[in-house]
Amino acid sequence: MKSNSWFYNKDLKPQGPLSLQEMRALIHRGDVGPYDLVCNDSLGEWKAACEFAEFERSLFPAVQVFRPGQDVIEDEKEWVLLSSSESGKSLVQEGPYSVRELRAMLTAKKVQGEQYIWKSGLSGWCKLQDRPEFSGLV
């Protein structure tokens, strides 16, 4: 009988085994994004975390506080961006930035979709590419 353990992919390496509660905590903090690959050993297949019924969409910081159809306030400076320091040995927080500024930075390729962002109201950091405000630019 299988143990019903969870695994996630980090840097192309499986991490785990984890309990359901541990996996939910990683998702809630933003350590596992909605499109990161996750596997449950009882099912034996890898798929996007958001495809599992055990992980409701509101659990992911990438979709928290966003309501489809609601206007995005483009000029409110509320987003913090994680970037590499000049030495490249650590991460530094930059901002706050507005949605408009971050969109311009994405278009100009000054930031990448894989970079992490956060704003008040989110349970954790998430990738720019996972936030609906920036879809289509990454």
N, C-alpha and C. Protein backbone atom coordinates (compact mmCIF):
# COMPACT_ATOMS: atom_id res chain seq x y z
N MET A 1 0.83 -1.18 0.00
CA MET A 1 0.00 0.00 0.00
C MET A 1 0.88 1.25 0.00
N LYS A 2 0.53 2.22 -0.82
CA LYS A 2 1.32 3.44 -0.92
C LYS A 2 1.03 4.38 0.23
N SER A 3 1.98 5.28 0.50
CA SER A 3 1.91 6.10 1.70
C SER A 3 1.18 7.43 1.52
N ASN A 4 0.80 7.78 0.28
CA ASN A 4 0.11 9.04 0.02
C ASN A 4 0.99 10.24 0.37
N SER A 5 2.28 10.16 0.03
CA SER A 5 3.22 11.25 0.25
C SER A 5 3.25 12.17 -0.96
N TRP A 6 3.64 13.41 -0.71
CA TRP A 6 3.71 14.43 -1.75
C TRP A 6 5.16 14.79 -2.05
N PHE A 7 5.42 15.15 -3.30
CA PHE A 7 6.74 15.58 -3.75
C PHE A 7 6.55 16.80 -4.64
N TYR A 8 7.56 17.65 -4.69
CA TYR A 8 7.53 18.78 -5.61
C TYR A 8 8.89 18.89 -6.28
N ASN A 9 8.94 19.57 -7.40
CA ASN A 9 10.14 19.68 -8.20
C ASN A 9 10.83 21.02 -7.90
N LYS A 10 12.09 20.97 -7.51
CA LYS A 10 12.87 22.19 -7.28
C LYS A 10 14.21 22.01 -7.96
N ASP A 11 14.54 22.89 -8.88
CA ASP A 11 15.78 22.81 -9.63
C ASP A 11 15.95 21.45 -10.29
N LEU A 12 14.86 20.95 -10.86
CA LEU A 12 14.82 19.67 -11.57
C LEU A 12 15.11 18.46 -10.68
N LYS A 13 14.93 18.64 -9.38
CA LYS A 13 15.13 17.53 -8.44
C LYS A 13 13.90 17.37 -7.58
N PRO A 14 13.39 16.14 -7.44
CA PRO A 14 12.23 15.91 -6.57
C PRO A 14 12.57 16.19 -5.11
N GLN A 15 11.67 16.86 -4.42
CA GLN A 15 11.82 17.16 -3.00
C GLN A 15 10.69 16.46 -2.25
N GLY A 16 10.97 15.85 -1.14
CA GLY A 16 9.95 15.17 -0.36
C GLY A 16 10.52 13.88 0.20
N PRO A 17 9.72 13.04 0.76
CA PRO A 17 8.26 13.08 0.82
C PRO A 17 7.76 14.04 1.88
N LEU A 18 6.56 14.59 1.62
CA LEU A 18 5.91 15.52 2.52
C LEU A 18 4.48 15.08 2.77
N SER A 19 3.97 15.45 3.91
CA SER A 19 2.55 15.21 4.18
C SER A 19 1.72 16.24 3.41
N LEU A 20 0.44 16.02 3.34
CA LEU A 20 -0.45 16.99 2.69
C LEU A 20 -0.36 18.34 3.39
N GLN A 21 -0.32 18.36 4.70
CA GLN A 21 -0.25 19.62 5.46
C GLN A 21 1.07 20.35 5.17
N GLU A 22 2.17 19.61 5.07
CA GLU A 22 3.46 20.24 4.76
C GLU A 22 3.45 20.84 3.35
N MET A 23 2.87 20.11 2.39
CA MET A 23 2.79 20.60 1.02
C MET A 23 1.91 21.85 0.95
N ARG A 24 0.79 21.84 1.64
CA ARG A 24 -0.09 23.02 1.67
C ARG A 24 0.63 24.22 2.27
N ALA A 25 1.45 24.00 3.29
CA ALA A 25 2.20 25.10 3.91
C ALA A 25 3.21 25.69 2.92
N LEU A 26 3.89 24.84 2.15
CA LEU A 26 4.84 25.32 1.14
C LEU A 26 4.13 26.16 0.08
N ILE A 27 2.97 25.72 -0.32
CA ILE A 27 2.18 26.45 -1.32
C ILE A 27 1.73 27.79 -0.74
N HIS A 28 1.24 27.78 0.46
CA HIS A 28 0.72 29.00 1.10
C HIS A 28 1.81 30.06 1.26
N ARG A 29 3.06 29.62 1.53
CA ARG A 29 4.18 30.56 1.67
C ARG A 29 4.71 31.03 0.32
N GLY A 30 4.32 30.35 -0.76
CA GLY A 30 4.81 30.73 -2.08
C GLY A 30 6.02 29.95 -2.52
N ASP A 31 6.45 28.95 -1.74
CA ASP A 31 7.60 28.13 -2.11
C ASP A 31 7.28 27.19 -3.27
N VAL A 32 6.03 26.83 -3.42
CA VAL A 32 5.56 26.02 -4.55
C VAL A 32 4.47 26.82 -5.24
N GLY A 33 4.67 27.11 -6.52
CA GLY A 33 3.72 27.91 -7.28
C GLY A 33 2.64 27.06 -7.93
N PRO A 34 1.62 27.69 -8.48
CA PRO A 34 0.50 26.95 -9.06
C PRO A 34 0.90 26.08 -10.25
N TYR A 35 1.96 26.43 -10.95
CA TYR A 35 2.37 25.68 -12.13
C TYR A 35 3.64 24.87 -11.90
N ASP A 36 4.11 24.82 -10.66
CA ASP A 36 5.24 23.94 -10.33
C ASP A 36 4.76 22.50 -10.34
N LEU A 37 5.63 21.61 -10.76
CA LEU A 37 5.26 20.20 -10.84
C LEU A 37 5.23 19.56 -9.46
N VAL A 38 4.16 18.81 -9.21
CA VAL A 38 3.92 18.15 -7.93
C VAL A 38 3.47 16.72 -8.24
N CYS A 39 3.82 15.81 -7.33
CA CYS A 39 3.42 14.42 -7.50
C CYS A 39 2.91 13.86 -6.17
N ASN A 40 1.87 13.08 -6.26
CA ASN A 40 1.36 12.34 -5.11
C ASN A 40 1.67 10.88 -5.40
N ASP A 41 2.39 10.21 -4.50
CA ASP A 41 2.84 8.86 -4.84
C ASP A 41 1.71 7.86 -4.99
N SER A 42 0.52 8.17 -4.49
CA SER A 42 -0.61 7.25 -4.70
C SER A 42 -1.14 7.34 -6.14
N LEU A 43 -0.91 8.50 -6.80
CA LEU A 43 -1.33 8.67 -8.19
C LEU A 43 -0.20 8.35 -9.16
N GLY A 44 1.03 8.67 -8.74
CA GLY A 44 2.21 8.35 -9.54
C GLY A 44 2.44 9.20 -10.77
N GLU A 45 1.82 10.36 -10.87
CA GLU A 45 2.07 11.23 -12.02
C GLU A 45 2.37 12.66 -11.57
N TRP A 46 3.23 13.32 -12.32
CA TRP A 46 3.59 14.71 -12.05
C TRP A 46 2.66 15.61 -12.84
N LYS A 47 2.14 16.64 -12.18
CA LYS A 47 1.34 17.64 -12.87
C LYS A 47 1.40 18.95 -12.09
N ALA A 48 0.89 20.02 -12.70
CA ALA A 48 0.91 21.33 -12.05
C ALA A 48 0.16 21.26 -10.72
N ALA A 49 0.69 21.92 -9.71
CA ALA A 49 0.10 21.89 -8.37
C ALA A 49 -1.37 22.32 -8.40
N CYS A 50 -1.69 23.31 -9.23
CA CYS A 50 -3.07 23.81 -9.27
C CYS A 50 -4.06 22.81 -9.85
N GLU A 51 -3.58 21.73 -10.44
CA GLU A 51 -4.47 20.71 -11.00
C GLU A 51 -4.95 19.71 -9.96
N PHE A 52 -4.39 19.74 -8.76
CA PHE A 52 -4.81 18.83 -7.70
C PHE A 52 -5.95 19.45 -6.90
N ALA A 53 -6.99 18.69 -6.67
CA ALA A 53 -8.15 19.17 -5.92
C ALA A 53 -7.77 19.52 -4.47
N GLU A 54 -6.72 18.93 -3.96
CA GLU A 54 -6.29 19.18 -2.57
C GLU A 54 -5.77 20.60 -2.37
N PHE A 55 -5.44 21.29 -3.47
CA PHE A 55 -4.84 22.63 -3.38
C PHE A 55 -5.75 23.64 -4.09
N GLU A 56 -6.67 24.22 -3.34
CA GLU A 56 -7.59 25.20 -3.92
C GLU A 56 -6.83 26.43 -4.39
N ARG A 57 -7.35 27.07 -5.42
CA ARG A 57 -6.66 28.20 -6.06
C ARG A 57 -6.32 29.30 -5.06
N SER A 58 -7.20 29.55 -4.10
CA SER A 58 -6.96 30.64 -3.15
C SER A 58 -5.79 30.36 -2.21
N LEU A 59 -5.28 29.14 -2.20
CA LEU A 59 -4.13 28.80 -1.37
C LEU A 59 -2.84 29.39 -1.93
N PHE A 60 -2.78 29.60 -3.23
CA PHE A 60 -1.57 30.07 -3.90
C PHE A 60 -1.44 31.59 -3.83
N PRO A 61 -0.30 32.12 -3.36
CA PRO A 61 -0.11 33.58 -3.36
C PRO A 61 -0.25 34.17 -4.75
N ALA A 62 0.07 33.39 -5.77
CA ALA A 62 0.01 33.91 -7.14
C ALA A 62 -1.39 34.31 -7.57
N VAL A 63 -2.42 33.78 -6.92
CA VAL A 63 -3.79 34.15 -7.31
C VAL A 63 -4.55 34.85 -6.20
N GLN A 64 -3.94 35.03 -5.05
CA GLN A 64 -4.62 35.68 -3.94
C GLN A 64 -4.86 37.16 -4.24
N VAL A 65 -5.94 37.70 -3.75
CA VAL A 65 -6.32 39.10 -3.82
C VAL A 65 -6.68 39.54 -5.25
N PHE A 66 -6.57 38.69 -6.24
CA PHE A 66 -6.94 39.05 -7.60
C PHE A 66 -8.31 38.47 -7.91
N ARG A 67 -9.19 39.29 -8.40
CA ARG A 67 -10.52 38.83 -8.77
C ARG A 67 -10.73 39.12 -10.26
N PRO A 68 -10.93 38.05 -11.05
CA PRO A 68 -11.15 38.27 -12.49
C PRO A 68 -12.29 39.27 -12.73
N GLY A 69 -12.07 40.15 -13.68
CA GLY A 69 -13.07 41.15 -14.00
C GLY A 69 -12.91 42.43 -13.20
N GLN A 70 -12.15 42.39 -12.12
CA GLN A 70 -11.92 43.59 -11.30
C GLN A 70 -10.80 44.40 -11.94
N ASP A 71 -10.98 45.70 -11.99
CA ASP A 71 -9.95 46.57 -12.55
C ASP A 71 -8.68 46.52 -11.71
N VAL A 72 -7.55 46.50 -12.40
CA VAL A 72 -6.25 46.55 -11.74
C VAL A 72 -5.86 48.01 -11.58
N ILE A 73 -5.45 48.40 -10.38
CA ILE A 73 -4.99 49.77 -10.15
C ILE A 73 -3.53 49.81 -10.59
N GLU A 74 -3.30 50.34 -11.77
CA GLU A 74 -1.99 50.24 -12.40
C GLU A 74 -0.92 51.14 -11.80
N ASP A 75 -1.30 52.22 -11.12
CA ASP A 75 -0.30 53.18 -10.65
C ASP A 75 -0.05 53.13 -9.15
N GLU A 76 -0.69 52.22 -8.43
CA GLU A 76 -0.47 52.11 -6.99
C GLU A 76 0.83 51.34 -6.74
N LYS A 77 1.75 51.98 -6.05
CA LYS A 77 3.05 51.36 -5.77
C LYS A 77 2.91 50.44 -4.57
N GLU A 78 2.68 49.14 -4.87
CA GLU A 78 2.45 48.18 -3.80
C GLU A 78 3.26 46.90 -3.94
N TRP A 79 3.99 46.73 -5.03
CA TRP A 79 4.72 45.50 -5.29
C TRP A 79 6.19 45.64 -4.91
N VAL A 80 6.72 44.62 -4.25
CA VAL A 80 8.14 44.53 -3.91
C VAL A 80 8.73 43.42 -4.77
N LEU A 81 9.90 43.67 -5.32
CA LEU A 81 10.57 42.75 -6.24
C LEU A 81 11.86 42.23 -5.60
N LEU A 82 12.13 40.94 -5.73
CA LEU A 82 13.41 40.37 -5.29
C LEU A 82 14.36 40.36 -6.48
N SER A 83 15.54 40.92 -6.29
CA SER A 83 16.56 40.95 -7.33
C SER A 83 17.90 40.52 -6.75
N SER A 84 18.80 40.12 -7.63
CA SER A 84 20.14 39.77 -7.19
C SER A 84 20.90 41.04 -6.82
N SER A 85 21.71 40.93 -5.79
CA SER A 85 22.56 42.07 -5.42
C SER A 85 23.61 42.28 -6.51
N GLU A 86 24.33 43.38 -6.43
CA GLU A 86 25.37 43.66 -7.41
C GLU A 86 26.42 42.57 -7.44
N SER A 87 26.73 42.00 -6.28
CA SER A 87 27.73 40.92 -6.23
C SER A 87 27.15 39.60 -6.72
N GLY A 88 25.81 39.52 -6.77
CA GLY A 88 25.15 38.29 -7.21
C GLY A 88 25.11 37.21 -6.15
N LYS A 89 25.55 37.55 -4.94
CA LYS A 89 25.64 36.56 -3.87
C LYS A 89 24.44 36.55 -2.93
N SER A 90 23.57 37.54 -3.08
CA SER A 90 22.40 37.60 -2.20
C SER A 90 21.24 38.25 -2.96
N LEU A 91 20.09 38.22 -2.33
CA LEU A 91 18.90 38.85 -2.90
C LEU A 91 18.58 40.12 -2.14
N VAL A 92 18.10 41.12 -2.86
CA VAL A 92 17.70 42.37 -2.24
C VAL A 92 16.27 42.70 -2.66
N GLN A 93 15.55 43.36 -1.78
CA GLN A 93 14.20 43.78 -2.08
C GLN A 93 14.25 45.17 -2.72
N GLU A 94 13.50 45.33 -3.79
CA GLU A 94 13.43 46.61 -4.49
C GLU A 94 11.98 47.04 -4.59
N GLY A 95 11.79 48.34 -4.62
CA GLY A 95 10.43 48.84 -4.76
C GLY A 95 10.07 49.71 -3.58
N PRO A 96 8.83 50.02 -3.47
CA PRO A 96 7.69 49.42 -4.15
C PRO A 96 7.53 49.93 -5.58
N TYR A 97 6.93 49.07 -6.42
CA TYR A 97 6.64 49.37 -7.80
C TYR A 97 5.13 49.26 -8.05
N SER A 98 4.70 49.93 -9.08
CA SER A 98 3.30 49.80 -9.51
C SER A 98 3.22 48.71 -10.59
N VAL A 99 2.02 48.29 -10.89
CA VAL A 99 1.80 47.31 -11.96
C VAL A 99 2.33 47.89 -13.27
N ARG A 100 2.04 49.16 -13.52
CA ARG A 100 2.50 49.81 -14.75
C ARG A 100 4.04 49.77 -14.86
N GLU A 101 4.73 50.08 -13.76
CA GLU A 101 6.19 50.07 -13.77
C GLU A 101 6.73 48.65 -14.02
N LEU A 102 6.15 47.66 -13.35
CA LEU A 102 6.61 46.30 -13.53
C LEU A 102 6.34 45.79 -14.95
N ARG A 103 5.19 46.17 -15.52
CA ARG A 103 4.91 45.79 -16.91
C ARG A 103 5.95 46.39 -17.85
N ALA A 104 6.30 47.66 -17.63
CA ALA A 104 7.31 48.31 -18.47
C ALA A 104 8.67 47.63 -18.30
N MET A 105 9.00 47.27 -17.07
CA MET A 105 10.27 46.59 -16.82
C MET A 105 10.31 45.21 -17.48
N LEU A 106 9.18 44.50 -17.48
CA LEU A 106 9.10 43.21 -18.17
C LEU A 106 9.26 43.38 -19.67
N THR A 107 8.57 44.37 -20.22
CA THR A 107 8.64 44.63 -21.66
C THR A 107 10.06 44.99 -22.08
N ALA A 108 10.74 45.78 -21.26
CA ALA A 108 12.11 46.20 -21.55
C ALA A 108 13.13 45.13 -21.17
N LYS A 109 12.66 44.01 -20.64
CA LYS A 109 13.52 42.90 -20.21
C LYS A 109 14.49 43.29 -19.09
N LYS A 110 14.07 44.26 -18.27
CA LYS A 110 14.87 44.64 -17.09
C LYS A 110 14.60 43.71 -15.93
N VAL A 111 13.46 43.03 -15.96
CA VAL A 111 13.13 41.99 -14.98
C VAL A 111 12.65 40.76 -15.75
N GLN A 112 12.71 39.62 -15.09
CA GLN A 112 12.32 38.36 -15.70
C GLN A 112 11.08 37.80 -15.02
N GLY A 113 10.31 37.02 -15.74
CA GLY A 113 9.11 36.40 -15.19
C GLY A 113 9.38 35.46 -14.04
N GLU A 114 10.61 34.94 -13.93
CA GLU A 114 10.96 34.02 -12.86
C GLU A 114 11.29 34.74 -11.54
N GLN A 115 11.39 36.06 -11.58
CA GLN A 115 11.69 36.81 -10.36
C GLN A 115 10.47 36.83 -9.45
N TYR A 116 10.74 36.91 -8.15
CA TYR A 116 9.69 36.86 -7.15
C TYR A 116 9.21 38.26 -6.78
N ILE A 117 7.89 38.36 -6.55
CA ILE A 117 7.27 39.62 -6.12
C ILE A 117 6.35 39.33 -4.95
N TRP A 118 6.02 40.39 -4.25
CA TRP A 118 5.11 40.29 -3.10
C TRP A 118 4.42 41.64 -2.92
N LYS A 119 3.20 41.58 -2.37
CA LYS A 119 2.52 42.80 -1.93
C LYS A 119 1.70 42.45 -0.71
N SER A 120 1.31 43.44 0.03
CA SER A 120 0.49 43.23 1.22
C SER A 120 -0.79 42.50 0.83
N GLY A 121 -1.15 41.52 1.63
CA GLY A 121 -2.34 40.73 1.37
C GLY A 121 -2.03 39.34 0.83
N LEU A 122 -0.80 39.13 0.35
CA LEU A 122 -0.41 37.81 -0.14
C LEU A 122 0.23 37.02 1.00
N SER A 123 0.05 35.71 0.98
CA SER A 123 0.62 34.88 2.05
C SER A 123 2.09 34.60 1.84
N GLY A 124 2.61 34.87 0.66
CA GLY A 124 4.02 34.61 0.40
C GLY A 124 4.44 35.23 -0.92
N TRP A 125 5.71 35.03 -1.26
CA TRP A 125 6.26 35.52 -2.51
C TRP A 125 5.76 34.64 -3.64
N CYS A 126 5.64 35.20 -4.84
CA CYS A 126 5.27 34.42 -6.02
C CYS A 126 6.04 34.97 -7.21
N LYS A 127 6.09 34.18 -8.26
CA LYS A 127 6.79 34.61 -9.47
C LYS A 127 5.92 35.60 -10.25
N LEU A 128 6.58 36.58 -10.85
CA LEU A 128 5.89 37.54 -11.71
C LEU A 128 5.03 36.82 -12.75
N GLN A 129 5.58 35.78 -13.35
CA GLN A 129 4.88 35.07 -14.43
C GLN A 129 3.60 34.39 -13.97
N ASP A 130 3.44 34.18 -12.66
CA ASP A 130 2.26 33.51 -12.14
C ASP A 130 1.13 34.46 -11.78
N ARG A 131 1.40 35.76 -11.75
CA ARG A 131 0.37 36.73 -11.38
C ARG A 131 -0.42 37.16 -12.62
N PRO A 132 -1.74 37.17 -12.53
CA PRO A 132 -2.58 37.56 -13.67
C PRO A 132 -2.34 38.99 -14.16
N GLU A 133 -1.88 39.86 -13.27
CA GLU A 133 -1.64 41.26 -13.67
C GLU A 133 -0.58 41.38 -14.75
N PHE A 134 0.27 40.36 -14.86
CA PHE A 134 1.40 40.43 -15.79
C PHE A 134 1.32 39.38 -16.89
N SER A 135 0.17 38.70 -16.99
CA SER A 135 0.03 37.67 -18.02
C SER A 135 0.14 38.31 -19.40
N GLY A 136 0.68 37.56 -20.31
CA GLY A 136 0.86 38.06 -21.67
C GLY A 136 2.16 38.78 -21.89
N LEU A 137 2.87 39.13 -20.82
CA LEU A 137 4.14 39.83 -20.95
C LEU A 137 5.36 38.93 -20.72
N VAL A 138 5.10 37.75 -20.21
CA VAL A 138 6.20 36.86 -19.84
C VAL A 138 6.28 35.73 -20.84
